[in-house]
């Protein structure tokens, strides 16, 4: 979503294609000595790095004197306690971490090599790089949550627990979809520790309306299912409840697919995706208009 970003800043960023190392080569050739950093998610719930891709980025950035940055907001604490960089054995120069390090509390972290982090530290005679804001410096709940999470991860294999429970959830949901004849319309995607789902309409096209219908029917059965991201706190009973709720919801979904529409099945409007550059406009009509007039 780039609206509102000044064009000079936008022009300072160039894009490459994930898992396409030649596209990165081409950028370094096109902008010799001008690329300061390469930043990306090493992986997502639906995308894995091709063999040699991350290693190629590491080699390219080192050769051209650029910084390699991994966005670990999703992968950190889910792919591994040490992030995707540990799983794929490619160490970036810097990495960003989100609220997963505090089990959902408001905390984030920027990690990196000492020579880079020192640029914003106290051991430099140079003009310091801005790395830290203390606007919320007195807010300690996030730090306490991080310490608790770190202690728990040291005592238990939390990622393995999530993967085990995630596999149970995936198998159960896929079986429910198959029994409802909806395997081609509701698909389960991602790693066991970070599952998501896709919804398709009667024509096999991605559908926000059908997604809304599934969420609605899950809610009616006591499950908030806007995603399938598992946690180590989910018990077997939680997973079974989710699978049973999905089995009932998919029966309604199947009827809507057969009808070729969600009309008559939804109680309200389809939910609109917020984190998209383009979304269906929601222009609300005022119920009434009040006119204010000055006294004469």
C-alpha atoms as a PDB file:
ATOM      1  CA  UNK A   1       0.000   0.000   0.000  1.00  0.00           C
ATOM      2  CA  UNK A   2       2.053   2.881  -1.316  1.00  0.00           C
ATOM      3  CA  UNK A   3      -0.469   5.724  -1.433  1.00  0.00           C
ATOM      4  CA  UNK A   4       0.907   8.632   0.591  1.00  0.00           C
ATOM      5  CA  UNK A   5       4.558   7.647   0.149  1.00  0.00           C
ATOM      6  CA  UNK A   6       6.435  10.511  -1.561  1.00  0.00           C
ATOM      7  CA  UNK A   7       7.630   9.511  -5.024  1.00  0.00           C
ATOM      8  CA  UNK A   8      11.310  10.321  -4.258  1.00  0.00           C
ATOM      9  CA  UNK A   9      11.246   7.691  -1.507  1.00  0.00           C
ATOM     10  CA  UNK A  10       9.470   5.207  -3.726  1.00  0.00           C
ATOM     11  CA  UNK A  11      12.063   5.741  -6.446  1.00  0.00           C
ATOM     12  CA  UNK A  12      14.795   4.792  -3.968  1.00  0.00           C
ATOM     13  CA  UNK A  13      13.409   1.257  -3.712  1.00  0.00           C
ATOM     14  CA  UNK A  14      13.598  -1.395  -6.428  1.00  0.00           C
ATOM     15  CA  UNK A  15      11.950  -4.794  -6.376  1.00  0.00           C
ATOM     16  CA  UNK A  16      13.025  -8.300  -7.259  1.00  0.00           C
ATOM     17  CA  UNK A  17      11.101 -11.556  -7.603  1.00  0.00           C
ATOM     18  CA  UNK A  18      11.178 -14.079  -4.764  1.00  0.00           C
ATOM     19  CA  UNK A  19      13.042 -17.283  -5.640  1.00  0.00           C
ATOM     20  CA  UNK A  20      14.378 -15.577  -8.778  1.00  0.00           C
ATOM     21  CA  UNK A  21      18.082 -14.994  -8.202  1.00  0.00           C
ATOM     22  CA  UNK A  22      18.702 -13.683 -11.752  1.00  0.00           C
ATOM     23  CA  UNK A  23      16.262 -10.824 -11.020  1.00  0.00           C
ATOM     24  CA  UNK A  24      18.501  -9.791  -8.103  1.00  0.00           C
ATOM     25  CA  UNK A  25      21.617 -10.103 -10.270  1.00  0.00           C
ATOM     26  CA  UNK A  26      19.968  -7.807 -12.791  1.00  0.00           C
ATOM     27  CA  UNK A  27      19.332  -5.113 -10.169  1.00  0.00           C
ATOM     28  CA  UNK A  28      22.914  -5.130  -8.950  1.00  0.00           C
ATOM     29  CA  UNK A  29      24.060  -4.844 -12.574  1.00  0.00           C
ATOM     30  CA  UNK A  30      21.603  -2.040 -13.298  1.00  0.00           C
ATOM     31  CA  UNK A  31      22.458  -0.051 -10.155  1.00  0.00           C
ATOM     32  CA  UNK A  32      26.157  -0.672  -9.534  1.00  0.00           C
ATOM     33  CA  UNK A  33      27.277   0.556  -6.132  1.00  0.00           C
ATOM     34  CA  UNK A  34      23.837   1.990  -5.334  1.00  0.00           C
ATOM     35  CA  UNK A  35      22.022  -0.869  -3.592  1.00  0.00           C
ATOM     36  CA  UNK A  36      22.427  -0.455   0.155  1.00  0.00           C
ATOM     37  CA  UNK A  37      20.404  -3.435   1.353  1.00  0.00           C
ATOM     38  CA  UNK A  38      18.315  -6.386   0.257  1.00  0.00           C
ATOM     39  CA  UNK A  39      15.330  -7.057   2.528  1.00  0.00           C
ATOM     40  CA  UNK A  40      12.827  -9.900   2.342  1.00  0.00           C
ATOM     41  CA  UNK A  41      10.933 -12.544   4.250  1.00  0.00           C
ATOM     42  CA  UNK A  42      13.077 -15.654   3.991  1.00  0.00           C
ATOM     43  CA  UNK A  43       9.842 -17.675   3.847  1.00  0.00           C
ATOM     44  CA  UNK A  44       6.121 -17.287   4.431  1.00  0.00           C
ATOM     45  CA  UNK A  45       3.275 -19.612   5.318  1.00  0.00           C
ATOM     46  CA  UNK A  46       2.817 -20.333   1.615  1.00  0.00           C
ATOM     47  CA  UNK A  47       6.312 -19.889   0.161  1.00  0.00           C
ATOM     48  CA  UNK A  48       9.575 -21.733   0.770  1.00  0.00           C
ATOM     49  CA  UNK A  49      12.956 -20.592  -0.548  1.00  0.00           C
ATOM     50  CA  UNK A  50      14.198 -22.575  -3.520  1.00  0.00           C
ATOM     51  CA  UNK A  51      17.490 -24.426  -3.023  1.00  0.00           C
ATOM     52  CA  UNK A  52      20.320 -21.939  -3.324  1.00  0.00           C
ATOM     53  CA  UNK A  53      18.153 -18.809  -3.344  1.00  0.00           C
ATOM     54  CA  UNK A  54      18.978 -17.479   0.125  1.00  0.00           C
ATOM     55  CA  UNK A  55      22.572 -18.628  -0.217  1.00  0.00           C
ATOM     56  CA  UNK A  56      22.746 -16.743  -3.505  1.00  0.00           C
ATOM     57  CA  UNK A  57      21.436 -13.581  -1.867  1.00  0.00           C
ATOM     58  CA  UNK A  58      24.039 -13.929   0.874  1.00  0.00           C
ATOM     59  CA  UNK A  59      26.803 -14.249  -1.711  1.00  0.00           C
ATOM     60  CA  UNK A  60      25.537 -11.384  -3.852  1.00  0.00           C
ATOM     61  CA  UNK A  61      25.187  -8.912  -1.011  1.00  0.00           C
ATOM     62  CA  UNK A  62      28.638  -9.731   0.313  1.00  0.00           C
ATOM     63  CA  UNK A  63      30.145  -9.319  -3.138  1.00  0.00           C
ATOM     64  CA  UNK A  64      28.505  -5.934  -3.698  1.00  0.00           C
ATOM     65  CA  UNK A  65      28.868  -4.581  -0.169  1.00  0.00           C
ATOM     66  CA  UNK A  66      25.120  -4.524   0.529  1.00  0.00           C
ATOM     67  CA  UNK A  67      23.327  -5.503   3.740  1.00  0.00           C
ATOM     68  CA  UNK A  68      21.099  -8.596   3.802  1.00  0.00           C
ATOM     69  CA  UNK A  69      18.036  -8.168   6.042  1.00  0.00           C
ATOM     70  CA  UNK A  70      15.505 -10.868   6.929  1.00  0.00           C
ATOM     71  CA  UNK A  71      12.000  -9.976   8.066  1.00  0.00           C
ATOM     72  CA  UNK A  72      11.362 -12.531  10.834  1.00  0.00           C
ATOM     73  CA  UNK A  73       7.990 -11.089  11.910  1.00  0.00           C
ATOM     74  CA  UNK A  74       6.176 -14.288  10.909  1.00  0.00           C
ATOM     75  CA  UNK A  75       8.957 -16.848  10.864  1.00  0.00           C
ATOM     76  CA  UNK A  76      10.596 -15.823  14.122  1.00  0.00           C
ATOM     77  CA  UNK A  77       9.639 -18.193  16.981  1.00  0.00           C
ATOM     78  CA  UNK A  78       7.492 -20.295  14.627  1.00  0.00           C
ATOM     79  CA  UNK A  79       9.970 -21.738  12.162  1.00  0.00           C
ATOM     80  CA  UNK A  80      12.485 -21.965  14.981  1.00  0.00           C
ATOM     81  CA  UNK A  81      13.355 -20.252  18.235  1.00  0.00           C
ATOM     82  CA  UNK A  82      16.174 -18.716  16.217  1.00  0.00           C
ATOM     83  CA  UNK A  83      14.024 -17.853  13.209  1.00  0.00           C
ATOM     84  CA  UNK A  84      14.065 -18.854   9.561  1.00  0.00           C
ATOM     85  CA  UNK A  85      17.754 -17.988   9.361  1.00  0.00           C
ATOM     86  CA  UNK A  86      18.428 -20.977  11.612  1.00  0.00           C
ATOM     87  CA  UNK A  87      16.216 -23.325   9.595  1.00  0.00           C
ATOM     88  CA  UNK A  88      17.747 -22.399   6.238  1.00  0.00           C
ATOM     89  CA  UNK A  89      21.254 -21.874   7.638  1.00  0.00           C
ATOM     90  CA  UNK A  90      21.745 -18.447   6.072  1.00  0.00           C
ATOM     91  CA  UNK A  91      22.694 -15.685   8.496  1.00  0.00           C
ATOM     92  CA  UNK A  92      21.588 -12.178   7.481  1.00  0.00           C
ATOM     93  CA  UNK A  93      23.375  -9.009   8.526  1.00  0.00           C
ATOM     94  CA  UNK A  94      20.225  -7.790  10.281  1.00  0.00           C
ATOM     95  CA  UNK A  95      16.802  -9.194  11.132  1.00  0.00           C
ATOM     96  CA  UNK A  96      13.541  -7.790  12.449  1.00  0.00           C
ATOM     97  CA  UNK A  97      11.375  -9.556  15.035  1.00  0.00           C
ATOM     98  CA  UNK A  98       7.787  -8.893  16.080  1.00  0.00           C
ATOM     99  CA  UNK A  99       5.353  -9.626  18.858  1.00  0.00           C
ATOM    100  CA  UNK A 100       5.920 -13.390  18.704  1.00  0.00           C
ATOM    101  CA  UNK A 101       8.943 -12.887  20.940  1.00  0.00           C
ATOM    102  CA  UNK A 102       6.494 -11.672  23.607  1.00  0.00           C
ATOM    103  CA  UNK A 103       3.651 -14.132  22.885  1.00  0.00           C
ATOM    104  CA  UNK A 104       1.545 -11.365  21.360  1.00  0.00           C
ATOM    105  CA  UNK A 105       2.501  -8.535  23.696  1.00  0.00           C
ATOM    106  CA  UNK A 106       3.638  -5.274  22.116  1.00  0.00           C
ATOM    107  CA  UNK A 107       7.340  -5.776  21.688  1.00  0.00           C
ATOM    108  CA  UNK A 108       9.692  -5.907  18.732  1.00  0.00           C
ATOM    109  CA  UNK A 109      13.407  -6.301  18.181  1.00  0.00           C
ATOM    110  CA  UNK A 110      16.074  -5.391  15.681  1.00  0.00           C
ATOM    111  CA  UNK A 111      19.015  -7.780  15.700  1.00  0.00           C
ATOM    112  CA  UNK A 112      22.203  -7.577  13.731  1.00  0.00           C
ATOM    113  CA  UNK A 113      25.932  -7.903  13.502  1.00  0.00           C
ATOM    114  CA  UNK A 114      27.896  -5.925  16.053  1.00  0.00           C
ATOM    115  CA  UNK A 115      29.547  -3.617  13.524  1.00  0.00           C
ATOM    116  CA  UNK A 116      26.106  -2.535  12.296  1.00  0.00           C
ATOM    117  CA  UNK A 117      24.354  -2.299  15.650  1.00  0.00           C
ATOM    118  CA  UNK A 118      27.252  -0.285  17.077  1.00  0.00           C
ATOM    119  CA  UNK A 119      26.442   2.460  14.565  1.00  0.00           C
ATOM    120  CA  UNK A 120      23.456   3.287  16.749  1.00  0.00           C
ATOM    121  CA  UNK A 121      25.129   2.465  20.045  1.00  0.00           C
ATOM    122  CA  UNK A 122      27.330   4.308  22.488  1.00  0.00           C
ATOM    123  CA  UNK A 123      30.703   3.003  21.315  1.00  0.00           C
ATOM    124  CA  UNK A 124      31.081   5.242  18.289  1.00  0.00           C
ATOM    125  CA  UNK A 125      32.556   8.643  17.552  1.00  0.00           C
ATOM    126  CA  UNK A 126      30.500   8.923  14.372  1.00  0.00           C
ATOM    127  CA  UNK A 127      27.091  10.512  13.981  1.00  0.00           C
ATOM    128  CA  UNK A 128      24.797   7.886  15.477  1.00  0.00           C
ATOM    129  CA  UNK A 129      22.219   6.009  13.421  1.00  0.00           C
ATOM    130  CA  UNK A 130      18.713   6.156  14.891  1.00  0.00           C
ATOM    131  CA  UNK A 131      17.869   2.627  16.032  1.00  0.00           C
ATOM    132  CA  UNK A 132      15.838   3.029  19.204  1.00  0.00           C
ATOM    133  CA  UNK A 133      12.787   5.050  20.194  1.00  0.00           C
ATOM    134  CA  UNK A 134      11.980   5.403  23.896  1.00  0.00           C
ATOM    135  CA  UNK A 135       8.454   6.744  23.414  1.00  0.00           C
ATOM    136  CA  UNK A 136       7.261   3.629  25.210  1.00  0.00           C
ATOM    137  CA  UNK A 137      10.466   3.124  27.165  1.00  0.00           C
ATOM    138  CA  UNK A 138       8.633   2.870  30.466  1.00  0.00           C
ATOM    139  CA  UNK A 139       6.309   0.139  29.193  1.00  0.00           C
ATOM    140  CA  UNK A 140       7.744  -3.033  30.711  1.00  0.00           C
ATOM    141  CA  UNK A 141       4.974  -5.586  30.124  1.00  0.00           C
ATOM    142  CA  UNK A 142       6.345  -6.482  26.703  1.00  0.00           C
ATOM    143  CA  UNK A 143       9.815  -7.009  28.130  1.00  0.00           C
ATOM    144  CA  UNK A 144       8.414  -9.186  30.910  1.00  0.00           C
ATOM    145  CA  UNK A 145       6.505 -11.206  28.305  1.00  0.00           C
ATOM    146  CA  UNK A 146       9.668 -11.637  26.247  1.00  0.00           C
ATOM    147  CA  UNK A 147      11.555 -12.952  29.281  1.00  0.00           C
ATOM    148  CA  UNK A 148       8.747 -15.419  30.013  1.00  0.00           C
ATOM    149  CA  UNK A 149       8.670 -16.594  26.402  1.00  0.00           C
ATOM    150  CA  UNK A 150      12.446 -16.969  26.288  1.00  0.00           C
ATOM    151  CA  UNK A 151      12.380 -19.042  29.479  1.00  0.00           C
ATOM    152  CA  UNK A 152       9.590 -21.261  28.141  1.00  0.00           C
ATOM    153  CA  UNK A 153      11.372 -21.852  24.825  1.00  0.00           C
ATOM    154  CA  UNK A 154      14.513 -22.808  26.751  1.00  0.00           C
ATOM    155  CA  UNK A 155      12.585 -25.345  28.841  1.00  0.00           C
ATOM    156  CA  UNK A 156      10.329 -26.803  26.132  1.00  0.00           C
ATOM    157  CA  UNK A 157      10.492 -27.438  22.393  1.00  0.00           C
ATOM    158  CA  UNK A 158       7.609 -25.068  21.700  1.00  0.00           C
ATOM    159  CA  UNK A 159       8.017 -25.124  17.915  1.00  0.00           C
ATOM    160  CA  UNK A 160       7.830 -28.935  17.881  1.00  0.00           C
ATOM    161  CA  UNK A 161       4.669 -28.792  20.004  1.00  0.00           C
ATOM    162  CA  UNK A 162       3.076 -26.361  17.546  1.00  0.00           C
ATOM    163  CA  UNK A 163       4.067 -28.535  14.603  1.00  0.00           C
ATOM    164  CA  UNK A 164       2.567 -31.645  16.194  1.00  0.00           C
ATOM    165  CA  UNK A 165      -0.715 -29.903  17.003  1.00  0.00           C
ATOM    166  CA  UNK A 166      -0.726 -28.186  13.622  1.00  0.00           C
ATOM    167  CA  UNK A 167      -0.442 -31.521  11.830  1.00  0.00           C
ATOM    168  CA  UNK A 168      -3.400 -32.862  13.810  1.00  0.00           C
ATOM    169  CA  UNK A 169      -5.418 -29.796  12.867  1.00  0.00           C
ATOM    170  CA  UNK A 170      -4.451 -30.028   9.200  1.00  0.00           C
ATOM    171  CA  UNK A 171      -5.335 -33.717   8.917  1.00  0.00           C
ATOM    172  CA  UNK A 172      -8.685 -33.205  10.610  1.00  0.00           C
ATOM    173  CA  UNK A 173      -9.652 -30.200   8.504  1.00  0.00           C
ATOM    174  CA  UNK A 174      -8.595 -31.827   5.254  1.00  0.00           C
ATOM    175  CA  UNK A 175     -10.657 -34.904   6.137  1.00  0.00           C
ATOM    176  CA  UNK A 176     -13.668 -32.712   6.953  1.00  0.00           C
ATOM    177  CA  UNK A 177     -13.303 -30.888   3.630  1.00  0.00           C
ATOM    178  CA  UNK A 178     -13.048 -34.189   1.772  1.00  0.00           C
ATOM    179  CA  UNK A 179     -16.154 -35.594   3.459  1.00  0.00           C
ATOM    180  CA  UNK A 180     -18.063 -32.445   2.541  1.00  0.00           C
ATOM    181  CA  UNK A 181     -16.809 -32.639  -1.050  1.00  0.00           C
ATOM    182  CA  UNK A 182     -15.078 -29.277  -0.593  1.00  0.00           C
ATOM    183  CA  UNK A 183     -11.409 -30.241  -0.934  1.00  0.00           C
ATOM    184  CA  UNK A 184     -11.121 -28.164  -4.111  1.00  0.00           C
ATOM    185  CA  UNK A 185     -12.859 -25.168  -2.542  1.00  0.00           C
ATOM    186  CA  UNK A 186     -11.345 -24.954   0.948  1.00  0.00           C
ATOM    187  CA  UNK A 187      -7.619 -25.626   0.943  1.00  0.00           C
ATOM    188  CA  UNK A 188      -5.275 -25.790   3.931  1.00  0.00           C
ATOM    189  CA  UNK A 189      -1.892 -24.190   3.306  1.00  0.00           C
ATOM    190  CA  UNK A 190       1.360 -23.472   5.118  1.00  0.00           C
ATOM    191  CA  UNK A 191       3.647 -25.066   7.655  1.00  0.00           C
ATOM    192  CA  UNK A 192       2.019 -26.973  10.528  1.00  0.00           C
ATOM    193  CA  UNK A 193       3.144 -24.217  12.910  1.00  0.00           C
ATOM    194  CA  UNK A 194       1.659 -21.486  10.705  1.00  0.00           C
ATOM    195  CA  UNK A 195      -1.399 -22.769   8.857  1.00  0.00           C
ATOM    196  CA  UNK A 196      -3.680 -20.620   6.721  1.00  0.00           C
ATOM    197  CA  UNK A 197      -6.579 -21.488   4.460  1.00  0.00           C
ATOM    198  CA  UNK A 198      -7.891 -20.449   1.082  1.00  0.00           C
ATOM    199  CA  UNK A 199     -11.539 -20.267   0.036  1.00  0.00           C
ATOM    200  CA  UNK A 200     -12.866 -20.614  -3.504  1.00  0.00           C
ATOM    201  CA  UNK A 201     -16.285 -20.065  -4.999  1.00  0.00           C
ATOM    202  CA  UNK A 202     -18.340 -22.376  -7.198  1.00  0.00           C
ATOM    203  CA  UNK A 203     -16.137 -21.508 -10.183  1.00  0.00           C
ATOM    204  CA  UNK A 204     -12.928 -22.257  -8.302  1.00  0.00           C
ATOM    205  CA  UNK A 205     -11.942 -18.605  -7.955  1.00  0.00           C
ATOM    206  CA  UNK A 206     -10.666 -17.090  -4.680  1.00  0.00           C
ATOM    207  CA  UNK A 207     -13.662 -15.579  -2.920  1.00  0.00           C
ATOM    208  CA  UNK A 208     -13.915 -13.166  -0.015  1.00  0.00           C
ATOM    209  CA  UNK A 209     -17.656 -13.793   0.200  1.00  0.00           C
ATOM    210  CA  UNK A 210     -17.161 -17.536   0.625  1.00  0.00           C
ATOM    211  CA  UNK A 211     -14.393 -16.870   3.142  1.00  0.00           C
ATOM    212  CA  UNK A 212     -16.846 -14.762   5.121  1.00  0.00           C
ATOM    213  CA  UNK A 213     -19.380 -17.571   5.005  1.00  0.00           C
ATOM    214  CA  UNK A 214     -16.873 -20.036   6.432  1.00  0.00           C
ATOM    215  CA  UNK A 215     -15.878 -17.617   9.208  1.00  0.00           C
ATOM    216  CA  UNK A 216     -19.548 -16.973   9.987  1.00  0.00           C
ATOM    217  CA  UNK A 217     -20.380 -20.657  10.270  1.00  0.00           C
ATOM    218  CA  UNK A 218     -17.320 -21.360  12.413  1.00  0.00           C
ATOM    219  CA  UNK A 219     -18.342 -18.537  14.745  1.00  0.00           C
ATOM    220  CA  UNK A 220     -21.825 -20.012  15.047  1.00  0.00           C
ATOM    221  CA  UNK A 221     -20.160 -23.189  16.257  1.00  0.00           C
ATOM    222  CA  UNK A 222     -17.977 -21.477  18.830  1.00  0.00           C
ATOM    223  CA  UNK A 223     -14.730 -21.108  16.874  1.00  0.00           C
ATOM    224  CA  UNK A 224     -13.075 -17.841  15.866  1.00  0.00           C
ATOM    225  CA  UNK A 225     -11.362 -18.984  12.693  1.00  0.00           C
ATOM    226  CA  UNK A 226     -10.100 -16.032  10.698  1.00  0.00           C
ATOM    227  CA  UNK A 227      -6.852 -18.018  10.445  1.00  0.00           C
ATOM    228  CA  UNK A 228      -5.533 -21.411  11.498  1.00  0.00           C
ATOM    229  CA  UNK A 229      -2.343 -20.302  13.225  1.00  0.00           C
ATOM    230  CA  UNK A 230      -1.762 -22.805  16.001  1.00  0.00           C
ATOM    231  CA  UNK A 231      -0.223 -22.163  19.414  1.00  0.00           C
ATOM    232  CA  UNK A 232       1.422 -24.422  21.953  1.00  0.00           C
ATOM    233  CA  UNK A 233      -1.525 -23.707  24.253  1.00  0.00           C
ATOM    234  CA  UNK A 234      -4.025 -25.434  21.935  1.00  0.00           C
ATOM    235  CA  UNK A 235      -4.999 -28.786  23.409  1.00  0.00           C
ATOM    236  CA  UNK A 236      -6.302 -31.879  21.646  1.00  0.00           C
ATOM    237  CA  UNK A 237      -9.773 -30.871  22.819  1.00  0.00           C
ATOM    238  CA  UNK A 238      -9.368 -27.444  21.200  1.00  0.00           C
ATOM    239  CA  UNK A 239      -8.325 -29.040  17.934  1.00  0.00           C
ATOM    240  CA  UNK A 240     -11.198 -31.513  17.994  1.00  0.00           C
ATOM    241  CA  UNK A 241     -13.668 -28.695  18.654  1.00  0.00           C
ATOM    242  CA  UNK A 242     -12.256 -26.786  15.691  1.00  0.00           C
ATOM    243  CA  UNK A 243     -12.487 -29.816  13.407  1.00  0.00           C
ATOM    244  CA  UNK A 244     -16.088 -30.508  14.432  1.00  0.00           C
ATOM    245  CA  UNK A 245     -17.013 -26.851  13.919  1.00  0.00           C
ATOM    246  CA  UNK A 246     -15.391 -26.925  10.485  1.00  0.00           C
ATOM    247  CA  UNK A 247     -17.273 -30.101   9.563  1.00  0.00           C
ATOM    248  CA  UNK A 248     -20.586 -28.353  10.247  1.00  0.00           C
ATOM    249  CA  UNK A 249     -19.508 -25.117   8.580  1.00  0.00           C
ATOM    250  CA  UNK A 250     -18.404 -26.947   5.456  1.00  0.00           C
ATOM    251  CA  UNK A 251     -21.856 -28.448   5.034  1.00  0.00           C
ATOM    252  CA  UNK A 252     -23.265 -24.926   4.740  1.00  0.00           C
ATOM    253  CA  UNK A 253     -20.365 -23.937   2.492  1.00  0.00           C
ATOM    254  CA  UNK A 254     -21.150 -26.879   0.207  1.00  0.00           C
ATOM    255  CA  UNK A 255     -24.768 -25.763  -0.127  1.00  0.00           C
ATOM    256  CA  UNK A 256     -23.628 -22.276  -1.111  1.00  0.00           C
ATOM    257  CA  UNK A 257     -21.245 -23.733  -3.692  1.00  0.00           C
ATOM    258  CA  UNK A 258     -24.085 -25.818  -5.102  1.00  0.00           C
ATOM    259  CA  UNK A 259     -26.282 -22.705  -5.238  1.00  0.00           C
ATOM    260  CA  UNK A 260     -23.482 -20.765  -6.923  1.00  0.00           C
ATOM    261  CA  UNK A 261     -23.766 -17.847  -4.481  1.00  0.00           C
ATOM    262  CA  UNK A 262     -23.511 -16.826  -0.844  1.00  0.00           C
ATOM    263  CA  UNK A 263     -26.736 -14.817  -1.171  1.00  0.00           C
ATOM    264  CA  UNK A 264     -29.185 -16.065   1.405  1.00  0.00           C
ATOM    265  CA  UNK A 265     -26.430 -17.695   3.417  1.00  0.00           C
ATOM    266  CA  UNK A 266     -24.673 -14.616   4.809  1.00  0.00           C
ATOM    267  CA  UNK A 267     -26.192 -12.540   7.589  1.00  0.00           C
ATOM    268  CA  UNK A 268     -24.318  -9.403   6.486  1.00  0.00           C
ATOM    269  CA  UNK A 269     -21.813  -8.164   3.965  1.00  0.00           C
ATOM    270  CA  UNK A 270     -18.646 -10.069   3.061  1.00  0.00           C
ATOM    271  CA  UNK A 271     -15.716  -8.964   5.172  1.00  0.00           C
ATOM    272  CA  UNK A 272     -13.295  -6.681   3.348  1.00  0.00           C
ATOM    273  CA  UNK A 273      -9.558  -7.395   3.522  1.00  0.00           C
ATOM    274  CA  UNK A 274      -7.820  -4.535   5.280  1.00  0.00           C
ATOM    275  CA  UNK A 275      -4.188  -5.210   4.416  1.00  0.00           C
ATOM    276  CA  UNK A 276      -4.544  -4.921   0.654  1.00  0.00           C
ATOM    277  CA  UNK A 277      -3.737  -2.011  -1.636  1.00  0.00           C
ATOM    278  CA  UNK A 278      -7.057  -2.404  -3.408  1.00  0.00           C
ATOM    279  CA  UNK A 279     -10.265  -3.552  -1.728  1.00  0.00           C
ATOM    280  CA  UNK A 280     -13.966  -3.315  -2.427  1.00  0.00           C
ATOM    281  CA  UNK A 281     -15.010   0.216  -1.421  1.00  0.00           C
ATOM    282  CA  UNK A 282     -17.234   0.586   1.606  1.00  0.00           C
ATOM    283  CA  UNK A 283     -19.116   3.825   0.987  1.00  0.00           C
ATOM    284  CA  UNK A 284     -21.690   4.088   3.742  1.00  0.00           C
ATOM    285  CA  UNK A 285     -24.835   6.041   3.102  1.00  0.00           C
ATOM    286  CA  UNK A 286     -25.850   8.291   5.997  1.00  0.00           C
ATOM    287  CA  UNK A 287     -29.080   7.304   7.672  1.00  0.00           C
ATOM    288  CA  UNK A 288     -30.006  10.964   7.971  1.00  0.00           C
ATOM    289  CA  UNK A 289     -28.539  14.382   7.276  1.00  0.00           C
ATOM    290  CA  UNK A 290     -28.641  17.191   9.805  1.00  0.00           C
ATOM    291  CA  UNK A 291     -28.371  20.739   8.545  1.00  0.00           C
ATOM    292  CA  UNK A 292     -27.032  23.339  10.953  1.00  0.00           C
ATOM    293  CA  UNK A 293     -28.255  26.871  10.353  1.00  0.00           C
ATOM    294  CA  UNK A 294     -27.236  29.997  12.153  1.00  0.00           C
ATOM    295  CA  UNK A 295     -29.881  32.080  13.965  1.00  0.00           C
ATOM    296  CA  UNK A 296     -30.998  35.280  12.319  1.00  0.00           C
END
